[in-house]
Amino acid sequence: MTHSLLSITEQVTLLSAFFTGILGSVHCVGMCGGIAGALTLSLPNPVRQSHSQFWKYLLSYHLGRLSSYIAAGIMVGFLGTHLTTLFRPDIANKISLWLTGGLMIALGLHLGQWWPALVGLERLGQQLWKRVEPLGRRFLPVKTLRQAYGVGFLWGGLPCGLSYSVLVLPFTAASAWQGGLLMLVFGLGTLPMLLTVGTTTRWFTLYVRKLEVQRVVGTLLIFIWIIYLSIQIT
């Protein structure tokens, strides 16, 4: 009889992280859609005119962004595994459960524009970004795949309530590597939407920014995490 490397709870958390990425990527379009479009337009003409070269650079951007998420997930996961040892296991599990579920529901309210729950996180991120942003100038203009990867890595650190709030998942993970895995899965969920933004016209970006779309997404996200909490409690 074979045993899964991940428990049922961990598998459900990964699935929830993936769907959070898919749904939350509507927020990414609003925050990062302009960046994605600008990065693709700033590529050299020979690259943009070659379908294969264009996709290599576009994927390098996103590989850098995913690497940034993984690195953050590993660091936060490492920190979380050590801090939770300060509590009894049952208390630590309850704290992790309600912290995760509560923040993800707050994220849904934020995406639906019912409650600006994550504005404080984004303001904190802006202060951190001021120190990191000058490093990005070393990679511009993007002329090589390595530069594209570097820009993407820094892109992952942009002030973003979505990605910052999702970091609560690796904080409550069982290990540092699982923290990195959670952020990878979340990042993969955001990938389809951001790849689309980088390759389509402006009408799509304007469409997903509509309040009705944002509220449908926020409602679905809240629903997913209420189900998640219900599964964990039972």
C-alpha atoms as a PDB file:
ATOM      1  CA  MET A   1       0.000   0.000   0.000  1.00  0.00           C
ATOM      2  CA  THR A   2       1.433   3.372  -1.028  1.00  0.00           C
ATOM      3  CA  HIS A   3       1.205   6.506   1.045  1.00  0.00           C
ATOM      4  CA  SER A   4       0.858  10.034  -0.307  1.00  0.00           C
ATOM      5  CA  LEU A   5       3.640  12.490   0.436  1.00  0.00           C
ATOM      6  CA  LEU A   6       0.948  14.970   1.455  1.00  0.00           C
ATOM      7  CA  SER A   7      -1.951  14.495   3.843  1.00  0.00           C
ATOM      8  CA  ILE A   8      -5.555  15.085   2.740  1.00  0.00           C
ATOM      9  CA  THR A   9      -5.492  18.416   4.577  1.00  0.00           C
ATOM     10  CA  GLU A  10      -2.322  19.484   2.742  1.00  0.00           C
ATOM     11  CA  GLN A  11      -3.770  18.403  -0.607  1.00  0.00           C
ATOM     12  CA  VAL A  12      -6.951  20.411   0.034  1.00  0.00           C
ATOM     13  CA  THR A  13      -4.807  23.430   0.975  1.00  0.00           C
ATOM     14  CA  LEU A  14      -2.813  23.117  -2.267  1.00  0.00           C
ATOM     15  CA  LEU A  15      -6.020  22.900  -4.289  1.00  0.00           C
ATOM     16  CA  SER A  16      -7.398  25.947  -2.482  1.00  0.00           C
ATOM     17  CA  ALA A  17      -4.150  27.845  -3.168  1.00  0.00           C
ATOM     18  CA  PHE A  18      -4.417  27.003  -6.874  1.00  0.00           C
ATOM     19  CA  PHE A  19      -8.012  28.219  -7.146  1.00  0.00           C
ATOM     20  CA  THR A  20      -7.085  31.325  -5.155  1.00  0.00           C
ATOM     21  CA  GLY A  21      -4.446  32.014  -7.814  1.00  0.00           C
ATOM     22  CA  ILE A  22      -6.927  31.490 -10.655  1.00  0.00           C
ATOM     23  CA  LEU A  23      -9.611  33.697  -9.128  1.00  0.00           C
ATOM     24  CA  GLY A  24      -7.211  36.241  -7.654  1.00  0.00           C
ATOM     25  CA  SER A  25      -5.492  36.705 -10.997  1.00  0.00           C
ATOM     26  CA  VAL A  26      -8.391  38.982 -11.927  1.00  0.00           C
ATOM     27  CA  HIS A  27      -6.887  41.308  -9.304  1.00  0.00           C
ATOM     28  CA  CYS A  28      -3.470  40.700 -10.904  1.00  0.00           C
ATOM     29  CA  VAL A  29      -4.785  42.048 -14.196  1.00  0.00           C
ATOM     30  CA  GLY A  30      -5.744  45.290 -12.479  1.00  0.00           C
ATOM     31  CA  MET A  31      -2.457  45.567 -10.592  1.00  0.00           C
ATOM     32  CA  CYS A  32       0.008  44.012 -13.025  1.00  0.00           C
ATOM     33  CA  GLY A  33      -1.765  43.998 -16.381  1.00  0.00           C
ATOM     34  CA  GLY A  34      -0.153  47.277 -17.374  1.00  0.00           C
ATOM     35  CA  ILE A  35       3.251  45.968 -16.315  1.00  0.00           C
ATOM     36  CA  ALA A  36       2.799  42.754 -18.296  1.00  0.00           C
ATOM     37  CA  GLY A  37       1.781  44.719 -21.370  1.00  0.00           C
ATOM     38  CA  ALA A  38       4.622  47.217 -20.982  1.00  0.00           C
ATOM     39  CA  LEU A  39       7.206  44.461 -20.570  1.00  0.00           C
ATOM     40  CA  THR A  40       6.102  42.703 -23.739  1.00  0.00           C
ATOM     41  CA  LEU A  41       5.991  45.959 -25.719  1.00  0.00           C
ATOM     42  CA  SER A  42       9.472  46.922 -24.496  1.00  0.00           C
ATOM     43  CA  LEU A  43      11.049  43.802 -25.988  1.00  0.00           C
ATOM     44  CA  PRO A  44      13.297  44.329 -29.037  1.00  0.00           C
ATOM     45  CA  ASN A  45      11.447  44.249 -32.374  1.00  0.00           C
ATOM     46  CA  PRO A  46      13.169  41.040 -33.593  1.00  0.00           C
ATOM     47  CA  VAL A  47      11.956  39.270 -30.433  1.00  0.00           C
ATOM     48  CA  ARG A  48       8.369  40.523 -30.759  1.00  0.00           C
ATOM     49  CA  GLN A  49       8.276  39.575 -34.432  1.00  0.00           C
ATOM     50  CA  SER A  50       9.425  36.008 -33.732  1.00  0.00           C
ATOM     51  CA  HIS A  51       6.657  33.901 -32.178  1.00  0.00           C
ATOM     52  CA  SER A  52       9.074  31.430 -30.574  1.00  0.00           C
ATOM     53  CA  GLN A  53      11.418  34.122 -29.230  1.00  0.00           C
ATOM     54  CA  PHE A  54       8.518  36.171 -27.900  1.00  0.00           C
ATOM     55  CA  TRP A  55       7.200  33.216 -25.873  1.00  0.00           C
ATOM     56  CA  LYS A  56      10.665  32.431 -24.539  1.00  0.00           C
ATOM     57  CA  TYR A  57      10.928  35.938 -23.092  1.00  0.00           C
ATOM     58  CA  LEU A  58       7.351  35.951 -21.826  1.00  0.00           C
ATOM     59  CA  LEU A  59       7.875  32.626 -20.044  1.00  0.00           C
ATOM     60  CA  SER A  60      11.193  33.881 -18.634  1.00  0.00           C
ATOM     61  CA  TYR A  61       9.351  36.823 -17.053  1.00  0.00           C
ATOM     62  CA  HIS A  62       6.903  34.474 -15.399  1.00  0.00           C
ATOM     63  CA  LEU A  63       9.538  31.923 -14.421  1.00  0.00           C
ATOM     64  CA  GLY A  64      11.267  34.727 -12.535  1.00  0.00           C
ATOM     65  CA  ARG A  65       7.979  35.744 -10.905  1.00  0.00           C
ATOM     66  CA  LEU A  66       7.253  32.150  -9.828  1.00  0.00           C
ATOM     67  CA  SER A  67      10.798  31.807  -8.475  1.00  0.00           C
ATOM     68  CA  SER A  68      10.206  34.907  -6.361  1.00  0.00           C
ATOM     69  CA  TYR A  69       7.003  33.393  -4.962  1.00  0.00           C
ATOM     70  CA  ILE A  70       8.751  30.102  -4.183  1.00  0.00           C
ATOM     71  CA  ALA A  71      11.621  31.862  -2.397  1.00  0.00           C
ATOM     72  CA  ALA A  72       9.147  33.893  -0.319  1.00  0.00           C
ATOM     73  CA  GLY A  73       7.150  30.751   0.457  1.00  0.00           C
ATOM     74  CA  ILE A  74      10.234  28.879   1.654  1.00  0.00           C
ATOM     75  CA  MET A  75      11.333  31.738   3.904  1.00  0.00           C
ATOM     76  CA  VAL A  76       7.870  32.300   5.382  1.00  0.00           C
ATOM     77  CA  GLY A  77       7.346  28.545   5.755  1.00  0.00           C
ATOM     78  CA  PHE A  78      10.635  28.228   7.624  1.00  0.00           C
ATOM     79  CA  LEU A  79       9.653  31.089   9.930  1.00  0.00           C
ATOM     80  CA  GLY A  80       6.184  29.662  10.495  1.00  0.00           C
ATOM     81  CA  THR A  81       7.362  26.162  11.395  1.00  0.00           C
ATOM     82  CA  HIS A  82       9.588  27.604  14.117  1.00  0.00           C
ATOM     83  CA  LEU A  83       7.047  30.062  15.528  1.00  0.00           C
ATOM     84  CA  THR A  84       4.260  27.471  15.761  1.00  0.00           C
ATOM     85  CA  THR A  85       6.460  25.306  18.009  1.00  0.00           C
ATOM     86  CA  LEU A  86       5.862  27.931  20.714  1.00  0.00           C
ATOM     87  CA  PHE A  87       2.284  26.615  21.056  1.00  0.00           C
ATOM     88  CA  ARG A  88       0.747  23.229  21.776  1.00  0.00           C
ATOM     89  CA  PRO A  89       0.125  21.339  18.488  1.00  0.00           C
ATOM     90  CA  ASP A  90      -3.679  21.496  18.808  1.00  0.00           C
ATOM     91  CA  ILE A  91      -3.619  25.230  19.557  1.00  0.00           C
ATOM     92  CA  ALA A  92      -1.113  25.873  16.743  1.00  0.00           C
ATOM     93  CA  ASN A  93      -3.381  24.021  14.288  1.00  0.00           C
ATOM     94  CA  LYS A  94      -6.421  26.067  15.317  1.00  0.00           C
ATOM     95  CA  ILE A  95      -4.493  29.335  15.040  1.00  0.00           C
ATOM     96  CA  SER A  96      -3.208  28.321  11.594  1.00  0.00           C
ATOM     97  CA  LEU A  97      -6.670  27.270  10.417  1.00  0.00           C
ATOM     98  CA  TRP A  98      -8.508  30.425  11.447  1.00  0.00           C
ATOM     99  CA  LEU A  99      -5.667  32.740  10.424  1.00  0.00           C
ATOM    100  CA  THR A 100      -5.611  31.203   6.954  1.00  0.00           C
ATOM    101  CA  GLY A 101      -9.361  31.064   6.453  1.00  0.00           C
ATOM    102  CA  GLY A 102      -9.972  34.507   7.909  1.00  0.00           C
ATOM    103  CA  LEU A 103      -7.366  36.219   5.756  1.00  0.00           C
ATOM    104  CA  MET A 104      -8.522  34.452   2.594  1.00  0.00           C
ATOM    105  CA  ILE A 105     -12.130  35.491   3.233  1.00  0.00           C
ATOM    106  CA  ALA A 106     -10.858  39.047   3.803  1.00  0.00           C
ATOM    107  CA  LEU A 107      -9.103  38.723   0.439  1.00  0.00           C
ATOM    108  CA  GLY A 108     -12.424  37.804  -1.187  1.00  0.00           C
ATOM    109  CA  LEU A 109     -14.065  40.870   0.383  1.00  0.00           C
ATOM    110  CA  HIS A 110     -11.163  42.988  -0.874  1.00  0.00           C
ATOM    111  CA  LEU A 111     -11.389  41.626  -4.424  1.00  0.00           C
ATOM    112  CA  GLY A 112     -15.148  42.201  -4.461  1.00  0.00           C
ATOM    113  CA  GLN A 113     -14.549  45.793  -3.296  1.00  0.00           C
ATOM    114  CA  TRP A 114     -16.834  45.335  -0.281  1.00  0.00           C
ATOM    115  CA  TRP A 115     -14.063  45.995   2.243  1.00  0.00           C
ATOM    116  CA  PRO A 116     -10.545  47.367   1.544  1.00  0.00           C
ATOM    117  CA  ALA A 117      -9.069  44.746   3.857  1.00  0.00           C
ATOM    118  CA  LEU A 118      -5.622  44.561   2.290  1.00  0.00           C
ATOM    119  CA  VAL A 119      -4.799  48.232   1.749  1.00  0.00           C
ATOM    120  CA  GLY A 120      -2.517  48.201   4.801  1.00  0.00           C
ATOM    121  CA  LEU A 121      -0.550  45.239   3.434  1.00  0.00           C
ATOM    122  CA  GLU A 122      -0.077  46.985   0.105  1.00  0.00           C
ATOM    123  CA  ARG A 123       1.127  50.174   1.813  1.00  0.00           C
ATOM    124  CA  LEU A 124       3.677  48.146   3.746  1.00  0.00           C
ATOM    125  CA  GLY A 125       4.754  46.538   0.490  1.00  0.00           C
ATOM    126  CA  GLN A 126       5.206  49.942  -1.116  1.00  0.00           C
ATOM    127  CA  GLN A 127       7.753  50.869   1.539  1.00  0.00           C
ATOM    128  CA  LEU A 128       9.689  47.649   0.915  1.00  0.00           C
ATOM    129  CA  TRP A 129       9.424  48.104  -2.849  1.00  0.00           C
ATOM    130  CA  LYS A 130      11.104  51.517  -2.690  1.00  0.00           C
ATOM    131  CA  ARG A 131      14.277  49.738  -1.566  1.00  0.00           C
ATOM    132  CA  VAL A 132      14.084  46.945  -4.130  1.00  0.00           C
ATOM    133  CA  GLU A 133      12.896  48.860  -7.202  1.00  0.00           C
ATOM    134  CA  PRO A 134      16.309  50.449  -8.021  1.00  0.00           C
ATOM    135  CA  LEU A 135      17.708  46.931  -8.552  1.00  0.00           C
ATOM    136  CA  GLY A 136      15.280  46.450 -11.423  1.00  0.00           C
ATOM    137  CA  ARG A 137      16.925  49.193 -13.437  1.00  0.00           C
ATOM    138  CA  ARG A 138      19.964  46.942 -13.889  1.00  0.00           C
ATOM    139  CA  PHE A 139      17.838  44.585 -16.001  1.00  0.00           C
ATOM    140  CA  LEU A 140      16.338  47.262 -18.248  1.00  0.00           C
ATOM    141  CA  PRO A 141      15.995  47.447 -21.168  1.00  0.00           C
ATOM    142  CA  VAL A 142      15.444  43.699 -21.448  1.00  0.00           C
ATOM    143  CA  LYS A 143      17.641  42.257 -24.186  1.00  0.00           C
ATOM    144  CA  THR A 144      18.436  38.767 -22.862  1.00  0.00           C
ATOM    145  CA  LEU A 145      16.499  35.907 -21.274  1.00  0.00           C
ATOM    146  CA  ARG A 146      18.534  36.364 -18.098  1.00  0.00           C
ATOM    147  CA  GLN A 147      17.394  39.983 -17.857  1.00  0.00           C
ATOM    148  CA  ALA A 148      13.793  38.904 -18.443  1.00  0.00           C
ATOM    149  CA  TYR A 149      14.102  36.401 -15.597  1.00  0.00           C
ATOM    150  CA  GLY A 150      15.575  39.075 -13.306  1.00  0.00           C
ATOM    151  CA  VAL A 151      12.779  41.527 -14.054  1.00  0.00           C
ATOM    152  CA  GLY A 152      10.243  38.764 -13.422  1.00  0.00           C
ATOM    153  CA  PHE A 153      11.845  37.897 -10.088  1.00  0.00           C
ATOM    154  CA  LEU A 154      11.558  41.512  -8.940  1.00  0.00           C
ATOM    155  CA  TRP A 155       8.034  41.671 -10.370  1.00  0.00           C
ATOM    156  CA  GLY A 156       7.069  39.005  -7.834  1.00  0.00           C
ATOM    157  CA  GLY A 157       7.902  41.465  -5.051  1.00  0.00           C
ATOM    158  CA  LEU A 158       5.588  44.248  -6.230  1.00  0.00           C
ATOM    159  CA  PRO A 159       3.230  45.654  -3.558  1.00  0.00           C
ATOM    160  CA  CYS A 160       0.263  43.310  -3.966  1.00  0.00           C
ATOM    161  CA  GLY A 161      -2.357  42.530  -1.347  1.00  0.00           C
ATOM    162  CA  LEU A 162      -3.140  39.258  -3.119  1.00  0.00           C
ATOM    163  CA  SER A 163       0.334  37.710  -3.045  1.00  0.00           C
ATOM    164  CA  TYR A 164       1.119  39.138   0.396  1.00  0.00           C
ATOM    165  CA  SER A 165      -2.072  37.716   1.919  1.00  0.00           C
ATOM    166  CA  VAL A 166      -1.493  34.315   0.320  1.00  0.00           C
ATOM    167  CA  LEU A 167       1.822  34.150   2.212  1.00  0.00           C
ATOM    168  CA  VAL A 168      -0.251  33.145   5.244  1.00  0.00           C
ATOM    169  CA  LEU A 169      -0.511  29.707   3.603  1.00  0.00           C
ATOM    170  CA  PRO A 170       3.230  28.895   3.768  1.00  0.00           C
ATOM    171  CA  PHE A 171       3.324  30.459   7.246  1.00  0.00           C
ATOM    172  CA  THR A 172       0.910  27.768   8.400  1.00  0.00           C
ATOM    173  CA  ALA A 173       2.527  24.992   6.323  1.00  0.00           C
ATOM    174  CA  ALA A 174       4.195  21.963   7.876  1.00  0.00           C
ATOM    175  CA  SER A 175       7.648  22.762   6.474  1.00  0.00           C
ATOM    176  CA  ALA A 176       9.657  25.264   4.458  1.00  0.00           C
ATOM    177  CA  TRP A 177       9.511  23.160   1.273  1.00  0.00           C
ATOM    178  CA  GLN A 178       5.727  22.878   1.540  1.00  0.00           C
ATOM    179  CA  GLY A 179       5.611  26.654   1.925  1.00  0.00           C
ATOM    180  CA  GLY A 180       7.501  26.986  -1.351  1.00  0.00           C
ATOM    181  CA  LEU A 181       5.212  24.421  -2.997  1.00  0.00           C
ATOM    182  CA  LEU A 182       2.097  26.319  -1.903  1.00  0.00           C
ATOM    183  CA  MET A 183       3.372  29.554  -3.430  1.00  0.00           C
ATOM    184  CA  LEU A 184       4.363  27.731  -6.631  1.00  0.00           C
ATOM    185  CA  VAL A 185       0.846  26.300  -6.945  1.00  0.00           C
ATOM    186  CA  PHE A 186      -0.663  29.727  -6.261  1.00  0.00           C
ATOM    187  CA  GLY A 187       1.616  31.287  -8.889  1.00  0.00           C
ATOM    188  CA  LEU A 188       0.659  28.648 -11.461  1.00  0.00           C
ATOM    189  CA  GLY A 189      -2.965  29.572 -10.841  1.00  0.00           C
ATOM    190  CA  THR A 190      -2.243  33.198 -11.771  1.00  0.00           C
ATOM    191  CA  LEU A 191      -0.318  32.217 -14.898  1.00  0.00           C
ATOM    192  CA  PRO A 192      -3.126  31.721 -17.480  1.00  0.00           C
ATOM    193  CA  MET A 193      -4.659  35.150 -16.875  1.00  0.00           C
ATOM    194  CA  LEU A 194      -1.347  37.040 -16.909  1.00  0.00           C
ATOM    195  CA  LEU A 195      -0.140  35.185 -20.007  1.00  0.00           C
ATOM    196  CA  THR A 196      -3.381  36.209 -21.687  1.00  0.00           C
ATOM    197  CA  VAL A 197      -2.883  39.848 -20.692  1.00  0.00           C
ATOM    198  CA  GLY A 198       0.608  39.776 -22.169  1.00  0.00           C
ATOM    199  CA  THR A 199      -0.667  38.567 -25.533  1.00  0.00           C
ATOM    200  CA  THR A 200      -4.128  40.104 -26.053  1.00  0.00           C
ATOM    201  CA  THR A 201      -5.594  43.518 -26.590  1.00  0.00           C
ATOM    202  CA  ARG A 202      -6.649  46.059 -23.992  1.00  0.00           C
ATOM    203  CA  TRP A 203     -10.385  45.187 -24.081  1.00  0.00           C
ATOM    204  CA  PHE A 204      -9.799  42.003 -22.077  1.00  0.00           C
ATOM    205  CA  THR A 205      -8.003  43.913 -19.315  1.00  0.00           C
ATOM    206  CA  LEU A 206     -10.842  46.447 -19.153  1.00  0.00           C
ATOM    207  CA  TYR A 207     -13.426  43.657 -19.012  1.00  0.00           C
ATOM    208  CA  VAL A 208     -11.949  41.834 -16.021  1.00  0.00           C
ATOM    209  CA  ARG A 209     -11.615  45.133 -14.156  1.00  0.00           C
ATOM    210  CA  LYS A 210     -15.402  45.603 -14.165  1.00  0.00           C
ATOM    211  CA  LEU A 211     -16.998  45.704 -10.717  1.00  0.00           C
ATOM    212  CA  GLU A 212     -19.405  42.882 -11.632  1.00  0.00           C
ATOM    213  CA  VAL A 213     -16.519  40.581 -12.574  1.00  0.00           C
ATOM    214  CA  GLN A 214     -14.573  41.520  -9.440  1.00  0.00           C
ATOM    215  CA  ARG A 215     -17.584  40.739  -7.246  1.00  0.00           C
ATOM    216  CA  VAL A 216     -18.236  37.366  -8.848  1.00  0.00           C
ATOM    217  CA  VAL A 217     -14.588  36.488  -8.245  1.00  0.00           C
ATOM    218  CA  GLY A 218     -14.705  37.746  -4.653  1.00  0.00           C
ATOM    219  CA  THR A 219     -17.855  35.721  -3.955  1.00  0.00           C
ATOM    220  CA  LEU A 220     -16.353  32.530  -5.405  1.00  0.00           C
ATOM    221  CA  LEU A 221     -13.174  32.987  -3.377  1.00  0.00           C
ATOM    222  CA  ILE A 222     -15.126  33.466  -0.144  1.00  0.00           C
ATOM    223  CA  PHE A 223     -17.215  30.385  -0.986  1.00  0.00           C
ATOM    224  CA  ILE A 224     -14.112  28.237  -1.593  1.00  0.00           C
ATOM    225  CA  TRP A 225     -12.538  29.199   1.722  1.00  0.00           C
ATOM    226  CA  ILE A 226     -15.759  28.716   3.691  1.00  0.00           C
ATOM    227  CA  ILE A 227     -15.864  25.181   2.270  1.00  0.00           C
ATOM    228  CA  TYR A 228     -12.182  24.780   3.175  1.00  0.00           C
ATOM    229  CA  LEU A 229     -12.863  25.813   6.780  1.00  0.00           C
ATOM    230  CA  SER A 230     -15.867  23.490   6.938  1.00  0.00           C
ATOM    231  CA  ILE A 231     -13.770  20.536   5.756  1.00  0.00           C
ATOM    232  CA  GLN A 232     -11.012  21.276   8.256  1.00  0.00           C
ATOM    233  CA  ILE A 233     -13.411  21.708  11.189  1.00  0.00           C
ATOM    234  CA  THR A 234     -15.232  18.460  10.496  1.00  0.00           C
END
